[in-house]
């Protein structure tokens, strides 16, 4: 039980990576505050984990009052808060021609500003037990797909925030802040996007090996397994770090000619 006795808040915890993290945290002995927008899926998850071990807080994290509500919900239900997983994210396709200021504001509000506000609200309580923050970013933070411009910008900002706060908050409050940058993960949302794009049901089996050397995409459970290390005391004094979880070296990868399929 690597998280025994800890209380962990997971945003975007009703689906995908967040759901897998909430499940894994519970399996490792933590009590979990699940935040999300999907009422039915959230209720099913809490029932699965057990109401003595999990509670559901349905709320839009971009609303100014919600960060405090989430923190107070953890305190009122379980009496403490040891870790925050900023996983909730807004994803939309855009490029230099289609990215509008309103889209940028929405993207940053969800992917950067809200995580900051939650950290700010949680800090006084995390500092009591030398707690931690784990931000879930994206390998797109390093540059990003041309058609994920706004999303990539917001994740780049999140990464800078992680490195900045990971230094400052650990020195001043003993609170660690780290980040995982997942690569291509097979979530329900990814399947939904592919269906909207008109992809065949077999698309996941046809992903070019240049993008999936293992012959498959990453699973949410694999990201969750890595998250446990950063949330546990095993992490020790490590703070301000960003770890890419992808099947290949993301930065500096030199693709062979003709390895990328024609669009």
Protein backbone atom coordinates (compact mmCIF):
# COMPACT_ATOMS: atom_id res chain seq x y z
CA UNK A 1 0.00 0.00 0.00
CA UNK A 2 2.18 2.81 -1.32
CA UNK A 3 -0.39 5.53 -0.65
CA UNK A 4 -1.86 4.26 2.61
CA UNK A 5 -3.37 7.03 4.71
CA UNK A 6 -3.18 9.67 1.99
CA UNK A 7 -6.03 11.72 0.53
CA UNK A 8 -5.67 12.51 -3.17
CA UNK A 9 -7.71 14.93 -5.29
CA UNK A 10 -7.96 13.93 -8.96
CA UNK A 11 -9.48 16.37 -11.44
CA UNK A 12 -10.98 14.94 -14.61
CA UNK A 13 -11.25 11.72 -12.64
CA UNK A 14 -14.45 10.32 -14.12
CA UNK A 15 -12.93 9.21 -17.43
CA UNK A 16 -9.70 8.19 -19.15
CA UNK A 17 -6.35 8.76 -17.48
CA UNK A 18 -7.91 10.48 -14.47
CA UNK A 19 -10.23 7.55 -13.82
CA UNK A 20 -7.31 5.11 -14.05
CA UNK A 21 -5.29 7.25 -11.62
CA UNK A 22 -8.18 7.40 -9.15
CA UNK A 23 -8.58 3.62 -9.32
CA UNK A 24 -4.87 3.00 -8.86
CA UNK A 25 -4.61 5.46 -5.96
CA UNK A 26 -7.47 3.68 -4.21
CA UNK A 27 -5.87 0.30 -4.82
CA UNK A 28 -2.69 1.65 -3.21
CA UNK A 29 -4.56 2.63 -0.04
CA UNK A 30 -5.48 6.28 -0.68
CA UNK A 31 -8.83 7.94 -0.22
CA UNK A 32 -9.81 9.76 -3.38
CA UNK A 33 -11.71 12.93 -4.19
CA UNK A 34 -12.90 12.50 -7.77
CA UNK A 35 -13.68 15.67 -9.71
CA UNK A 36 -15.30 15.65 -13.12
CA UNK A 37 -18.37 16.54 -15.15
CA UNK A 38 -19.79 13.11 -16.00
CA UNK A 39 -22.37 12.38 -13.29
CA UNK A 40 -23.19 8.78 -14.21
CA UNK A 41 -19.59 7.70 -14.77
CA UNK A 42 -18.45 9.44 -11.60
CA UNK A 43 -21.14 7.74 -9.52
CA UNK A 44 -20.23 4.35 -10.92
CA UNK A 45 -16.57 4.95 -10.05
CA UNK A 46 -17.33 5.99 -6.47
CA UNK A 47 -19.55 2.95 -6.01
CA UNK A 48 -16.77 0.76 -7.36
CA UNK A 49 -14.17 2.25 -5.04
CA UNK A 50 -16.50 2.40 -2.03
CA UNK A 51 -18.00 5.53 -0.51
CA UNK A 52 -15.77 5.19 2.54
CA UNK A 53 -12.78 5.53 0.21
CA UNK A 54 -14.01 7.94 -2.47
CA UNK A 55 -16.22 10.96 -2.93
CA UNK A 56 -17.45 12.70 -6.08
CA UNK A 57 -17.29 16.47 -6.64
CA UNK A 58 -19.02 17.36 -9.91
CA UNK A 59 -17.82 20.83 -10.90
CA UNK A 60 -16.27 22.85 -13.70
CA UNK A 61 -12.75 23.67 -12.53
CA UNK A 62 -12.70 26.90 -14.53
CA UNK A 63 -15.34 28.45 -12.26
CA UNK A 64 -13.57 30.73 -9.76
CA UNK A 65 -15.21 29.22 -6.68
CA UNK A 66 -14.48 25.58 -7.57
CA UNK A 67 -10.80 25.24 -6.49
CA UNK A 68 -11.74 26.14 -2.90
CA UNK A 69 -14.80 23.89 -3.08
CA UNK A 70 -12.68 20.90 -4.11
CA UNK A 71 -10.16 21.46 -1.34
CA UNK A 72 -12.84 22.00 1.29
CA UNK A 73 -14.66 18.92 0.04
CA UNK A 74 -11.57 16.83 0.71
CA UNK A 75 -11.13 18.32 4.18
CA UNK A 76 -14.77 17.92 5.15
CA UNK A 77 -15.01 14.35 3.88
CA UNK A 78 -11.63 12.91 4.83
CA UNK A 79 -10.06 15.51 7.14
CA UNK A 80 -6.91 16.18 5.14
CA UNK A 81 -5.37 16.61 1.69
CA UNK A 82 -2.02 15.06 0.75
CA UNK A 83 -1.92 15.19 -3.02
CA UNK A 84 -3.43 16.94 -6.03
CA UNK A 85 -3.52 15.45 -9.52
CA UNK A 86 -4.28 18.15 -12.08
CA UNK A 87 -5.50 15.90 -14.86
CA UNK A 88 -8.61 17.61 -16.26
CA UNK A 89 -7.98 19.07 -19.71
CA UNK A 90 -9.73 20.63 -22.66
CA UNK A 91 -8.63 19.34 -26.07
CA UNK A 92 -9.55 20.83 -29.42
CA UNK A 93 -7.94 20.95 -32.83
CA UNK A 94 -6.66 24.29 -34.15
CA UNK A 95 -3.80 25.72 -36.18
CA UNK A 96 -2.39 29.15 -36.93
CA UNK A 97 -5.37 29.96 -39.16
CA UNK A 98 -8.15 28.61 -36.97
CA UNK A 99 -6.93 29.46 -33.46
CA UNK A 100 -9.02 32.30 -32.07
CA UNK A 101 -8.46 34.36 -28.94
CA UNK A 102 -11.61 32.87 -27.41
CA UNK A 103 -10.29 29.36 -28.00
CA UNK A 104 -6.96 30.28 -26.44
CA UNK A 105 -8.71 31.70 -23.39
CA UNK A 106 -10.84 28.58 -22.97
CA UNK A 107 -7.83 26.31 -23.45
CA UNK A 108 -5.65 28.18 -20.96
CA UNK A 109 -8.49 28.56 -18.45
CA UNK A 110 -8.87 24.78 -18.22
CA UNK A 111 -5.36 23.52 -18.84
CA UNK A 112 -3.25 26.15 -17.07
CA UNK A 113 -5.17 28.68 -14.98
CA UNK A 114 -7.43 26.18 -13.20
CA UNK A 115 -4.52 23.89 -12.18
CA UNK A 116 -2.71 26.95 -10.80
CA UNK A 117 -5.79 28.01 -8.83
CA UNK A 118 -6.23 24.52 -7.39
CA UNK A 119 -2.59 24.42 -6.29
CA UNK A 120 -3.02 27.86 -4.71
CA UNK A 121 -6.13 26.74 -2.80
CA UNK A 122 -4.57 23.44 -1.71
CA UNK A 123 -1.13 24.75 -0.68
CA UNK A 124 -1.90 25.59 2.97
CA UNK A 125 -3.13 22.04 3.55
CA UNK A 126 -0.56 20.23 1.42
CA UNK A 127 2.18 21.98 3.37
CA UNK A 128 0.93 20.49 6.65
CA UNK A 129 2.03 17.03 5.60
CA UNK A 130 4.68 17.84 3.01
CA UNK A 131 2.26 16.81 0.29
CA UNK A 132 2.61 16.95 -3.46
CA UNK A 133 1.14 17.99 -6.79
CA UNK A 134 1.23 15.95 -9.97
CA UNK A 135 0.33 17.77 -13.17
CA UNK A 136 -0.69 15.69 -16.17
CA UNK A 137 0.63 17.42 -19.27
CA UNK A 138 1.37 16.16 -22.75
CA UNK A 139 4.39 15.55 -24.96
CA UNK A 140 2.80 18.25 -27.12
CA UNK A 141 4.14 20.72 -24.57
CA UNK A 142 7.53 20.54 -26.29
CA UNK A 143 6.25 21.70 -29.67
CA UNK A 144 3.03 19.99 -30.58
CA UNK A 145 1.16 18.91 -33.65
CA UNK A 146 0.47 21.81 -36.05
CA UNK A 147 -3.25 21.10 -35.64
CA UNK A 148 -3.04 21.12 -31.83
CA UNK A 149 -1.63 24.63 -31.56
CA UNK A 150 -3.79 26.08 -28.76
CA UNK A 151 -3.66 22.84 -26.79
CA UNK A 152 0.12 22.61 -27.14
CA UNK A 153 0.58 26.21 -25.97
CA UNK A 154 -1.47 25.56 -22.83
CA UNK A 155 0.48 22.40 -22.00
CA UNK A 156 3.76 24.22 -22.54
CA UNK A 157 2.65 26.81 -20.02
CA UNK A 158 1.67 24.06 -17.57
CA UNK A 159 5.14 22.56 -17.90
CA UNK A 160 6.82 25.88 -17.13
CA UNK A 161 4.55 26.28 -14.11
CA UNK A 162 5.52 22.82 -12.87
CA UNK A 163 9.23 23.60 -13.02
CA UNK A 164 8.77 27.01 -11.40
CA UNK A 165 6.51 25.89 -8.56
CA UNK A 166 8.39 22.63 -8.14
CA UNK A 167 11.38 24.66 -7.02
CA UNK A 168 9.66 27.44 -5.07
CA UNK A 169 7.02 25.40 -3.25
CA UNK A 170 9.43 22.68 -2.21
CA UNK A 171 11.94 25.16 -0.81
CA UNK A 172 9.37 27.27 1.03
CA UNK A 173 6.64 24.77 1.95
CA UNK A 174 8.06 21.28 1.47
CA UNK A 175 5.49 20.60 -1.26
CA UNK A 176 6.72 18.72 -4.32
CA UNK A 177 5.38 19.58 -7.79
CA UNK A 178 6.11 17.27 -10.71
CA UNK A 179 4.60 16.48 -14.09
CA UNK A 180 3.95 13.53 -16.39
CA UNK A 181 3.78 14.20 -20.14
CA UNK A 182 1.91 11.26 -21.68
CA UNK A 183 2.26 10.44 -25.34
CA UNK A 184 -0.51 8.86 -27.40
CA UNK A 185 -2.87 7.11 -24.96
CA UNK A 186 -5.87 4.99 -25.94
CA UNK A 187 -8.62 6.65 -23.92
CA UNK A 188 -12.35 6.77 -24.48
CA UNK A 189 -11.95 10.37 -25.61
CA UNK A 190 -9.37 9.33 -28.21
CA UNK A 191 -11.76 6.71 -29.56
CA UNK A 192 -14.51 9.31 -29.73
CA UNK A 193 -12.28 11.72 -31.66
CA UNK A 194 -11.42 9.01 -34.18
CA UNK A 195 -15.09 8.13 -34.64
CA UNK A 196 -15.88 11.79 -35.36
CA UNK A 197 -13.06 11.84 -37.90
CA UNK A 198 -14.61 8.88 -39.68
CA UNK A 199 -11.83 6.41 -38.88
CA UNK A 200 -12.60 2.71 -39.23
CA UNK A 201 -13.14 0.53 -36.17
CA UNK A 202 -9.74 -1.02 -36.86
CA UNK A 203 -7.78 2.24 -36.75
CA UNK A 204 -6.10 1.37 -33.47
CA UNK A 205 -4.63 -1.77 -35.05
CA UNK A 206 -3.36 0.21 -38.01
CA UNK A 207 -1.36 2.91 -36.23
CA UNK A 208 2.00 3.17 -38.07
CA UNK A 209 4.92 1.68 -36.16
CA UNK A 210 6.71 5.01 -36.32
CA UNK A 211 4.12 6.27 -33.79
CA UNK A 212 3.71 3.00 -31.88
CA UNK A 213 6.86 0.86 -31.97
CA UNK A 214 5.25 -1.53 -29.48
CA UNK A 215 2.45 -2.24 -31.94
CA UNK A 216 -0.13 -0.59 -29.68
CA UNK A 217 -0.86 2.71 -27.94
CA UNK A 218 -0.25 3.41 -24.28
CA UNK A 219 -3.02 2.47 -21.85
CA UNK A 220 -4.43 4.81 -19.16
CA UNK A 221 -3.45 2.23 -16.54
CA UNK A 222 0.20 2.57 -17.54
CA UNK A 223 0.09 6.31 -16.89
CA UNK A 224 -1.63 5.64 -13.57
CA UNK A 225 1.09 3.20 -12.54
CA UNK A 226 3.70 5.90 -13.08
CA UNK A 227 1.60 8.47 -11.21
CA UNK A 228 1.76 6.43 -8.01
CA UNK A 229 5.53 6.95 -7.73
CA UNK A 230 5.21 10.74 -7.88
CA UNK A 231 2.36 10.76 -5.35
CA UNK A 232 4.06 8.41 -2.91
CA UNK A 233 6.82 9.01 -0.38
CA UNK A 234 9.07 6.90 -2.62
CA UNK A 235 9.57 10.04 -4.69
CA UNK A 236 11.61 11.45 -1.81
CA UNK A 237 12.80 15.03 -2.37
CA UNK A 238 12.41 14.99 -6.16
CA UNK A 239 10.55 18.10 -7.33
CA UNK A 240 10.21 20.34 -10.36
CA UNK A 241 10.65 17.44 -12.78
CA UNK A 242 8.83 16.63 -16.03
CA UNK A 243 8.85 13.06 -17.29
CA UNK A 244 7.76 12.11 -20.81
CA UNK A 245 5.91 8.79 -20.99
CA UNK A 246 6.11 7.85 -24.63
CA UNK A 247 7.25 4.78 -26.59
CA UNK A 248 10.20 6.53 -28.18
CA UNK A 249 12.63 9.41 -27.52
CA UNK A 250 10.37 12.38 -28.15
CA UNK A 251 12.96 15.14 -28.20
CA UNK A 252 15.64 14.86 -30.86
CA UNK A 253 14.06 11.89 -32.61
CA UNK A 254 15.43 11.64 -36.16
CA UNK A 255 12.88 9.79 -38.25
CA UNK A 256 14.15 7.76 -41.22
CA UNK A 257 13.03 8.86 -44.65
CA UNK A 258 9.69 7.50 -45.85
CA UNK A 259 8.76 6.44 -42.33
CA UNK A 260 5.83 8.84 -42.04
CA UNK A 261 2.78 7.87 -44.08
CA UNK A 262 1.40 10.27 -46.65
CA UNK A 263 -1.48 12.41 -45.37
